Protein backbone atom coordinates (compact mmCIF):
# COMPACT_ATOMS: atom_id res chain seq x y z
CA MET A 1 0.00 0.02 -0.02
CA LYS A 2 2.84 2.32 0.84
CA GLN A 3 4.38 2.18 -2.61
CA PHE A 4 0.96 2.60 -4.28
CA VAL A 5 0.29 5.66 -2.28
CA LEU A 6 3.63 7.17 -3.01
CA ALA A 7 3.24 6.26 -6.84
CA VAL A 8 -0.11 7.98 -6.98
CA ALA A 9 1.28 10.99 -5.06
CA GLY A 10 3.97 11.14 -7.68
CA ILE A 11 1.61 10.82 -10.54
CA TYR A 12 -0.80 13.35 -9.30
CA GLY A 13 2.01 15.77 -8.48
CA MET A 14 3.60 15.51 -12.02
CA LEU A 15 0.18 15.80 -13.66
CA SER A 16 -0.63 18.96 -11.62
CA VAL A 17 2.61 20.52 -12.74
CA VAL A 18 1.94 19.61 -16.42
CA LEU A 19 -1.75 20.70 -16.22
CA GLY A 20 -0.80 23.81 -14.30
CA ALA A 21 1.75 24.81 -17.06
CA PHE A 22 -0.77 24.15 -19.78
CA GLY A 23 -3.43 26.25 -17.90
CA ALA A 24 -0.91 29.12 -17.51
CA HIS A 25 -0.05 29.16 -21.14
CA ALA A 26 -1.94 27.15 -23.67
CA PHE A 27 -5.35 26.99 -22.14
CA LYS A 28 -5.46 30.79 -21.61
CA LYS A 29 -6.11 31.10 -25.23
CA ILE A 30 -9.08 28.65 -25.36
CA LEU A 31 -10.92 28.89 -21.95
CA SER A 32 -12.87 31.80 -20.51
CA ALA A 33 -11.39 33.44 -17.45
CA ASP A 34 -14.14 31.75 -15.39
CA LYS A 35 -13.45 28.32 -16.69
CA LEU A 36 -9.62 28.76 -16.48
CA ALA A 37 -10.07 29.65 -12.70
CA ASP A 38 -12.13 26.59 -12.20
CA PHE A 39 -9.32 24.54 -14.00
CA GLU A 40 -6.72 26.15 -11.66
CA THR A 41 -8.72 25.18 -8.60
CA GLY A 42 -8.62 21.60 -9.65
CA VAL A 43 -4.92 21.75 -10.26
CA ARG A 44 -4.36 23.48 -6.86
CA TYR A 45 -6.32 20.83 -5.05
CA GLN A 46 -4.57 18.13 -6.88
CA MET A 47 -1.15 19.45 -5.90
CA TYR A 48 -2.20 19.93 -2.27
CA HIS A 49 -3.29 16.37 -1.92
CA ALA A 50 -0.34 15.04 -3.91
CA ILE A 51 1.92 16.56 -1.24
CA VAL A 52 -0.40 15.14 1.60
CA LEU A 53 -0.22 11.65 -0.13
CA LEU A 54 3.61 11.98 -0.36
CA VAL A 55 3.89 12.91 3.34
CA ILE A 56 1.62 10.17 4.60
CA GLY A 57 3.13 7.65 2.18
CA PHE A 58 6.34 8.22 3.95
CA ALA A 59 5.10 8.75 7.55
CA LEU A 60 2.35 6.02 7.89
CA SER A 61 2.71 2.24 7.87
CA PHE A 62 -0.77 1.42 6.74
CA SER A 63 -1.00 -1.28 9.14
CA THR A 64 -4.60 -0.24 10.30
CA SER A 65 -7.71 0.17 8.20
CA THR A 66 -8.00 3.74 9.24
CA GLU A 67 -4.70 4.56 7.61
CA ARG A 68 -5.52 2.61 4.46
CA TRP A 69 -8.98 4.09 4.04
CA ALA A 70 -7.67 7.75 4.67
CA ALA A 71 -5.35 7.15 1.77
CA ILE A 72 -7.89 5.64 -0.46
CA CYS A 73 -10.39 8.44 0.29
CA LEU A 74 -7.86 11.13 -0.62
CA MET A 75 -6.67 9.34 -3.74
CA VAL A 76 -10.36 8.85 -4.95
CA GLY A 77 -11.24 12.28 -3.84
CA VAL A 78 -8.57 13.83 -5.88
CA PHE A 79 -9.59 11.88 -8.91
CA LEU A 80 -13.33 12.74 -8.73
CA PHE A 81 -12.82 16.31 -7.58
CA SER A 82 -10.03 17.62 -9.79
CA PHE A 83 -10.77 15.56 -12.93
CA SER A 84 -14.39 16.31 -13.01
CA ILE A 85 -13.47 20.03 -12.78
CA TYR A 86 -11.00 19.64 -15.78
CA PHE A 87 -13.65 18.03 -17.97
CA LEU A 88 -16.30 20.57 -16.89
CA ALA A 89 -13.84 23.40 -17.70
CA PHE A 90 -13.51 22.10 -21.32
CA ALA A 91 -17.11 21.11 -21.91
CA GLU A 92 -17.97 24.37 -23.51
CA TYR A 93 -14.75 24.41 -25.64
CA TRP A 94 -15.35 20.81 -26.81
CA ASN A 95 -19.04 21.56 -27.42
CA VAL A 96 -20.30 18.72 -25.33
CA ASN A 97 -22.77 18.37 -22.54
CA LEU A 98 -20.92 17.09 -19.51
CA LYS A 99 -23.30 18.55 -16.92
CA PHE A 100 -23.69 14.99 -15.54
CA LEU A 101 -20.24 15.52 -14.02
CA GLY A 102 -21.54 18.43 -11.94
CA PRO A 103 -22.45 16.26 -8.90
CA VAL A 104 -19.12 14.31 -9.14
CA THR A 105 -17.14 17.38 -8.12
CA PRO A 106 -18.86 17.68 -4.56
CA PHE A 107 -18.84 13.87 -4.30
CA GLY A 108 -15.08 14.05 -4.80
CA GLY A 109 -14.89 16.78 -2.14
CA LEU A 110 -16.72 14.55 0.32
CA PHE A 111 -14.18 11.92 -0.30
CA LEU A 112 -11.54 14.49 0.47
CA ILE A 113 -13.19 15.46 3.72
CA LEU A 114 -13.60 11.84 4.71
CA GLY A 115 -9.88 11.12 4.05
CA TRP A 116 -9.02 14.13 6.23
CA LEU A 117 -11.38 12.97 8.88
CA LEU A 118 -9.91 9.57 8.99
CA LEU A 119 -6.48 11.01 9.23
CA ILE A 120 -7.64 12.88 12.39
CA VAL A 121 -9.14 9.83 13.77
CA PHE A 122 -5.84 7.89 13.21
CA PHE A 123 -3.78 10.70 14.74
CA VAL A 124 -6.03 10.94 17.83
CA LYS A 125 -6.18 7.12 18.39
CA SER A 126 -2.41 6.81 17.95
CA LYS A 127 -1.80 9.73 20.46
CA LEU A 128 0.86 11.19 18.26
CA PHE A 129 0.28 14.70 19.63
């Protein structure tokens, strides 16, 4: 599990840099200011959580279900939250109706919140502070 979390952290981090660079340069020409701001929100949340996954990948042993589920929720949450935002930002440019993805974004946010909550539970139970 540790190697998987670290690999996902690396992939999410790398993709956020690549997508952020495209957003800062190439996508400025094709997305409206509002859609570009949405896109940048997805990139920012993806990078924040890539860093968190990297830290917990090194710091945790994943020997408890709470640790494992916290990591799973964060990984799934990033995917649902950020990638739904990316697709929604491009829907108008691609001239496709992706409104069905609208509820996916907050659902991804719920997974992120649950991941953080599980980390808090783990920290409190393990008396690390």
